């Protein structure tokens, strides 16, 4: 019997994604982006964290598809990734996130 390579890759990929969300700062970023797209500086200010730390965690979330980025002028805006938006809810038992059907709102209050 031949083993399906996707069958073994899925649990590993899932475990890696759960590990990414297991970092509290990343989870807080996902929560914050439920309201809509935000500039990196605005996210740092909202979460009261250093800009470089927020940028680092956003890069990891981007790598795993949890967020997407769009550059506008000198500002970089992050929003929930398409895969996340296709889900309407993420329920991990201990916590639950609901995602809006669309993300047209954008915070542009300076992007610091």
N, C-alpha and C. Protein backbone atom coordinates (compact mmCIF):
# COMPACT_ATOMS: atom_id res chain seq x y z
N UNK A 1 0.84 -1.19 0.00
CA UNK A 1 0.00 0.00 0.00
C UNK A 1 0.88 1.24 0.00
N UNK A 2 0.61 2.16 -0.90
CA UNK A 2 1.41 3.38 -1.04
C UNK A 2 0.86 4.47 -0.12
N UNK A 3 1.77 5.14 0.60
CA UNK A 3 1.36 6.19 1.53
C UNK A 3 1.18 7.51 0.79
N UNK A 4 0.13 8.21 1.11
CA UNK A 4 -0.15 9.51 0.52
C UNK A 4 0.73 10.55 1.23
N UNK A 5 1.64 11.22 0.50
CA UNK A 5 2.52 12.19 1.15
C UNK A 5 1.76 13.36 1.78
N UNK A 6 0.61 13.73 1.19
CA UNK A 6 -0.19 14.81 1.77
C UNK A 6 -0.75 14.43 3.13
N UNK A 7 -1.06 13.15 3.32
CA UNK A 7 -1.65 12.70 4.58
C UNK A 7 -0.67 12.90 5.73
N UNK A 8 0.62 12.71 5.50
CA UNK A 8 1.59 12.92 6.57
C UNK A 8 2.00 14.37 6.69
N UNK A 9 1.92 15.12 5.60
CA UNK A 9 2.30 16.53 5.64
C UNK A 9 1.27 17.37 6.38
N UNK A 10 0.01 17.03 6.28
CA UNK A 10 -1.04 17.84 6.90
C UNK A 10 -0.89 17.95 8.41
N UNK A 11 -0.70 16.84 9.15
CA UNK A 11 -0.54 17.00 10.60
C UNK A 11 0.70 17.82 10.97
N UNK A 12 1.76 17.67 10.22
CA UNK A 12 2.98 18.44 10.50
C UNK A 12 2.74 19.92 10.22
N UNK A 13 2.12 20.22 9.08
CA UNK A 13 1.81 21.61 8.74
C UNK A 13 0.85 22.22 9.77
N UNK A 14 -0.13 21.45 10.18
CA UNK A 14 -1.10 21.93 11.17
C UNK A 14 -0.40 22.22 12.50
N UNK A 15 0.47 21.32 12.92
CA UNK A 15 1.20 21.51 14.18
C UNK A 15 2.07 22.76 14.11
N UNK A 16 2.71 22.99 12.97
CA UNK A 16 3.54 24.19 12.81
C UNK A 16 2.70 25.46 12.89
N UNK A 17 1.53 25.44 12.26
CA UNK A 17 0.65 26.61 12.30
C UNK A 17 0.13 26.87 13.71
N UNK A 18 -0.21 25.80 14.42
CA UNK A 18 -0.66 25.97 15.80
C UNK A 18 0.45 26.52 16.67
N UNK A 19 1.68 26.10 16.40
CA UNK A 19 2.83 26.62 17.14
C UNK A 19 2.98 28.12 16.89
N UNK A 20 2.78 28.54 15.65
CA UNK A 20 2.86 29.97 15.32
C UNK A 20 1.81 30.75 16.12
N UNK A 21 0.60 30.23 16.18
CA UNK A 21 -0.47 30.91 16.93
C UNK A 21 -0.29 30.79 18.43
N UNK A 22 0.56 29.85 18.87
CA UNK A 22 0.79 29.65 20.29
C UNK A 22 1.58 30.78 20.93
N UNK A 23 2.19 31.62 20.14
CA UNK A 23 2.93 32.77 20.65
C UNK A 23 1.90 33.87 20.97
N UNK A 24 1.80 34.29 22.24
CA UNK A 24 0.77 35.26 22.63
C UNK A 24 0.77 36.56 21.81
N UNK A 25 1.92 37.07 21.45
CA UNK A 25 1.95 38.32 20.68
C UNK A 25 1.32 38.10 19.31
N UNK A 26 1.62 36.98 18.68
CA UNK A 26 1.04 36.70 17.36
C UNK A 26 -0.47 36.54 17.46
N UNK A 27 -0.91 35.88 18.51
CA UNK A 27 -2.35 35.70 18.70
C UNK A 27 -3.02 37.06 18.89
N UNK A 28 -2.38 37.94 19.65
CA UNK A 28 -2.92 39.29 19.86
C UNK A 28 -2.97 40.07 18.55
N UNK A 29 -1.98 39.88 17.69
CA UNK A 29 -1.98 40.55 16.39
C UNK A 29 -3.15 40.08 15.53
N UNK A 30 -3.40 38.78 15.53
CA UNK A 30 -4.54 38.23 14.79
C UNK A 30 -5.84 38.83 15.34
N UNK A 31 -5.95 38.89 16.66
CA UNK A 31 -7.14 39.49 17.27
C UNK A 31 -7.32 40.94 16.83
N UNK A 32 -6.24 41.70 16.85
CA UNK A 32 -6.31 43.12 16.48
C UNK A 32 -6.72 43.30 15.03
N UNK A 33 -6.24 42.43 14.16
CA UNK A 33 -6.53 42.56 12.73
C UNK A 33 -7.95 42.12 12.36
N UNK A 34 -8.68 41.57 13.32
CA UNK A 34 -10.08 41.24 13.05
C UNK A 34 -10.88 42.49 12.73
N UNK A 35 -10.44 43.64 13.24
CA UNK A 35 -11.15 44.90 13.01
C UNK A 35 -10.87 45.46 11.62
N UNK A 36 -9.83 44.97 10.96
CA UNK A 36 -9.48 45.46 9.63
C UNK A 36 -8.00 45.70 9.50
N UNK A 37 -7.61 46.13 8.34
CA UNK A 37 -6.21 46.37 7.99
C UNK A 37 -5.62 47.48 8.85
N UNK A 38 -4.37 47.29 9.27
CA UNK A 38 -3.71 48.30 10.10
C UNK A 38 -2.24 48.43 9.72
N UNK A 39 -1.71 49.62 9.90
CA UNK A 39 -0.29 49.87 9.69
C UNK A 39 0.50 49.26 10.85
N UNK A 40 1.74 48.91 10.58
CA UNK A 40 2.60 48.29 11.59
C UNK A 40 2.70 49.18 12.83
N UNK A 41 2.92 50.46 12.63
CA UNK A 41 3.05 51.38 13.76
C UNK A 41 1.79 51.46 14.59
N UNK A 42 0.65 51.41 13.93
CA UNK A 42 -0.62 51.44 14.66
C UNK A 42 -0.81 50.18 15.49
N UNK A 43 -0.41 49.04 14.93
CA UNK A 43 -0.48 47.79 15.69
C UNK A 43 0.44 47.84 16.90
N UNK A 44 1.65 48.36 16.72
CA UNK A 44 2.60 48.46 17.83
C UNK A 44 2.04 49.36 18.93
N UNK A 45 1.45 50.46 18.53
CA UNK A 45 0.86 51.38 19.50
C UNK A 45 -0.32 50.74 20.22
N UNK A 46 -1.20 50.09 19.47
CA UNK A 46 -2.37 49.45 20.05
C UNK A 46 -1.98 48.39 21.08
N UNK A 47 -0.98 47.58 20.74
CA UNK A 47 -0.55 46.50 21.63
C UNK A 47 0.49 46.94 22.65
N UNK A 48 0.90 48.21 22.55
CA UNK A 48 1.92 48.77 23.44
C UNK A 48 3.19 47.92 23.44
N UNK A 49 3.67 47.66 22.21
CA UNK A 49 4.88 46.86 22.01
C UNK A 49 5.83 47.61 21.09
N UNK A 50 7.14 47.32 21.19
CA UNK A 50 8.09 47.96 20.29
C UNK A 50 7.82 47.60 18.83
N UNK A 51 8.01 48.57 17.96
CA UNK A 51 7.76 48.40 16.53
C UNK A 51 8.52 47.22 15.95
N UNK A 52 9.79 47.07 16.31
CA UNK A 52 10.61 45.98 15.77
C UNK A 52 10.06 44.62 16.18
N UNK A 53 9.55 44.51 17.40
CA UNK A 53 8.98 43.25 17.87
C UNK A 53 7.72 42.90 17.09
N UNK A 54 6.87 43.89 16.89
CA UNK A 54 5.64 43.68 16.12
C UNK A 54 5.98 43.29 14.68
N UNK A 55 6.95 43.97 14.08
CA UNK A 55 7.37 43.65 12.71
C UNK A 55 7.87 42.22 12.61
N UNK A 56 8.64 41.79 13.59
CA UNK A 56 9.15 40.41 13.59
C UNK A 56 8.00 39.40 13.60
N UNK A 57 7.05 39.60 14.48
CA UNK A 57 5.94 38.65 14.60
C UNK A 57 5.02 38.70 13.38
N UNK A 58 4.85 39.87 12.79
CA UNK A 58 4.06 39.96 11.56
C UNK A 58 4.74 39.21 10.42
N UNK A 59 6.05 39.24 10.38
CA UNK A 59 6.79 38.51 9.34
C UNK A 59 6.53 37.01 9.45
N UNK A 60 6.51 36.49 10.67
CA UNK A 60 6.22 35.07 10.88
C UNK A 60 4.79 34.75 10.47
N UNK A 61 3.85 35.59 10.87
CA UNK A 61 2.44 35.38 10.49
C UNK A 61 2.27 35.43 8.98
N UNK A 62 3.00 36.31 8.33
CA UNK A 62 2.96 36.43 6.87
C UNK A 62 3.49 35.15 6.21
N UNK A 63 4.58 34.64 6.73
CA UNK A 63 5.20 33.42 6.19
C UNK A 63 4.23 32.24 6.21
N UNK A 64 3.39 32.17 7.23
CA UNK A 64 2.45 31.05 7.37
C UNK A 64 1.07 31.37 6.81
N UNK A 65 0.89 32.53 6.20
CA UNK A 65 -0.36 32.86 5.54
C UNK A 65 -1.46 33.40 6.45
N UNK A 66 -1.13 33.68 7.70
CA UNK A 66 -2.16 34.21 8.60
C UNK A 66 -2.48 35.66 8.28
N UNK A 67 -1.52 36.39 7.75
CA UNK A 67 -1.74 37.79 7.38
C UNK A 67 -1.21 38.03 5.97
N UNK A 68 -1.63 39.15 5.41
CA UNK A 68 -1.09 39.60 4.13
C UNK A 68 -0.69 41.06 4.30
N UNK A 69 0.18 41.52 3.44
CA UNK A 69 0.65 42.90 3.57
C UNK A 69 0.47 43.66 2.27
N UNK A 70 0.30 44.95 2.44
CA UNK A 70 0.16 45.83 1.29
C UNK A 70 0.91 47.12 1.61
N UNK A 71 1.80 47.48 0.72
CA UNK A 71 2.57 48.71 0.91
C UNK A 71 1.86 49.85 0.20
N UNK A 72 1.66 50.94 0.92
CA UNK A 72 1.06 52.15 0.36
C UNK A 72 1.94 53.32 0.76
N UNK A 73 2.67 53.83 -0.22
CA UNK A 73 3.61 54.90 0.09
C UNK A 73 4.69 54.38 1.01
N UNK A 74 4.91 55.09 2.10
CA UNK A 74 5.94 54.65 3.04
C UNK A 74 5.39 53.77 4.16
N UNK A 75 4.12 53.47 4.11
CA UNK A 75 3.50 52.65 5.14
C UNK A 75 3.22 51.24 4.64
N UNK A 76 3.30 50.29 5.55
CA UNK A 76 2.97 48.90 5.24
C UNK A 76 1.75 48.53 6.08
N UNK A 77 0.71 48.06 5.42
CA UNK A 77 -0.52 47.68 6.09
C UNK A 77 -0.65 46.16 6.10
N UNK A 78 -1.09 45.64 7.22
CA UNK A 78 -1.32 44.20 7.34
C UNK A 78 -2.80 43.96 7.55
N UNK A 79 -3.26 42.86 7.01
CA UNK A 79 -4.65 42.43 7.20
C UNK A 79 -4.65 40.92 7.31
N UNK A 80 -5.76 40.36 7.71
CA UNK A 80 -5.87 38.91 7.81
C UNK A 80 -5.67 38.29 6.43
N UNK A 81 -5.01 37.15 6.39
CA UNK A 81 -4.75 36.46 5.14
C UNK A 81 -6.01 35.87 4.55
N UNK A 82 -5.98 35.60 3.26
CA UNK A 82 -7.15 35.05 2.56
C UNK A 82 -7.62 33.74 3.17
N UNK A 83 -6.68 32.86 3.55
CA UNK A 83 -7.07 31.58 4.16
C UNK A 83 -7.82 31.80 5.46
N UNK A 84 -7.37 32.78 6.24
CA UNK A 84 -8.04 33.08 7.51
C UNK A 84 -9.43 33.64 7.24
N UNK A 85 -9.54 34.51 6.25
CA UNK A 85 -10.84 35.11 5.94
C UNK A 85 -11.84 34.10 5.40
N UNK A 86 -11.35 33.02 4.77
CA UNK A 86 -12.26 31.98 4.28
C UNK A 86 -12.92 31.22 5.43
N UNK A 87 -12.23 31.17 6.55
CA UNK A 87 -12.84 30.57 7.73
C UNK A 87 -13.70 31.67 8.36
N UNK A 88 -14.81 31.32 8.93
CA UNK A 88 -15.52 32.40 9.62
C UNK A 88 -15.29 32.32 11.12
N UNK A 89 -14.64 31.23 11.55
CA UNK A 89 -14.39 31.08 12.97
C UNK A 89 -13.22 30.12 13.18
N UNK A 90 -12.41 30.41 14.18
CA UNK A 90 -11.34 29.52 14.60
C UNK A 90 -11.58 29.21 16.07
N UNK A 91 -11.96 27.99 16.36
CA UNK A 91 -12.27 27.60 17.73
C UNK A 91 -11.25 26.58 18.19
N UNK A 92 -10.43 26.97 19.17
CA UNK A 92 -9.40 26.07 19.69
C UNK A 92 -9.81 25.48 21.04
N UNK A 93 -11.05 25.67 21.42
CA UNK A 93 -11.52 25.17 22.70
C UNK A 93 -11.29 26.19 23.80
N UNK A 94 -10.04 26.58 23.98
CA UNK A 94 -9.69 27.56 25.03
C UNK A 94 -9.96 28.99 24.58
N UNK A 95 -10.05 29.19 23.29
CA UNK A 95 -10.28 30.53 22.75
C UNK A 95 -10.91 30.40 21.38
N UNK A 96 -11.61 31.44 21.00
CA UNK A 96 -12.31 31.43 19.71
C UNK A 96 -12.18 32.80 19.06
N UNK A 97 -11.89 32.80 17.77
CA UNK A 97 -11.83 34.03 17.00
C UNK A 97 -12.86 33.95 15.88
N UNK A 98 -13.57 35.04 15.65
CA UNK A 98 -14.50 35.13 14.52
C UNK A 98 -13.94 36.14 13.54
N UNK A 99 -14.07 35.84 12.25
CA UNK A 99 -13.49 36.70 11.24
C UNK A 99 -14.59 37.33 10.40
N UNK A 100 -14.42 38.62 10.08
CA UNK A 100 -15.43 39.31 9.27
C UNK A 100 -15.47 38.76 7.86
N UNK A 101 -16.61 38.91 7.21
CA UNK A 101 -16.75 38.43 5.84
C UNK A 101 -15.89 39.23 4.88
N UNK A 102 -15.70 40.50 5.14
CA UNK A 102 -14.82 41.30 4.29
C UNK A 102 -14.05 42.27 5.15
N UNK A 103 -12.96 42.76 4.61
CA UNK A 103 -12.10 43.67 5.36
C UNK A 103 -11.86 44.93 4.58
N UNK A 104 -12.85 45.78 4.49
CA UNK A 104 -12.69 47.00 3.73
C UNK A 104 -12.22 48.16 4.60
N UNK A 105 -12.33 47.99 5.93
CA UNK A 105 -11.93 49.07 6.81
C UNK A 105 -10.42 49.13 6.87
N UNK A 106 -9.88 50.31 6.92
CA UNK A 106 -8.43 50.46 6.98
C UNK A 106 -8.11 51.59 7.95
N UNK A 107 -7.20 51.30 8.86
CA UNK A 107 -6.75 52.32 9.79
C UNK A 107 -5.52 52.98 9.19
N UNK A 108 -5.59 54.29 8.99
CA UNK A 108 -4.45 55.02 8.45
C UNK A 108 -4.19 56.25 9.31
N UNK A 109 -3.90 56.00 10.56
CA UNK A 109 -3.73 57.14 11.46
C UNK A 109 -2.26 57.48 11.67
N UNK A 110 -1.45 57.21 10.69
CA UNK A 110 -0.07 57.65 10.80
C UNK A 110 0.93 56.57 10.54
N UNK A 111 0.62 55.32 10.79
CA UNK A 111 1.49 54.22 10.48
C UNK A 111 2.83 54.23 11.16
N UNK A 112 3.10 55.07 12.04
CA UNK A 112 4.36 55.24 12.76
C UNK A 112 5.40 54.21 12.47
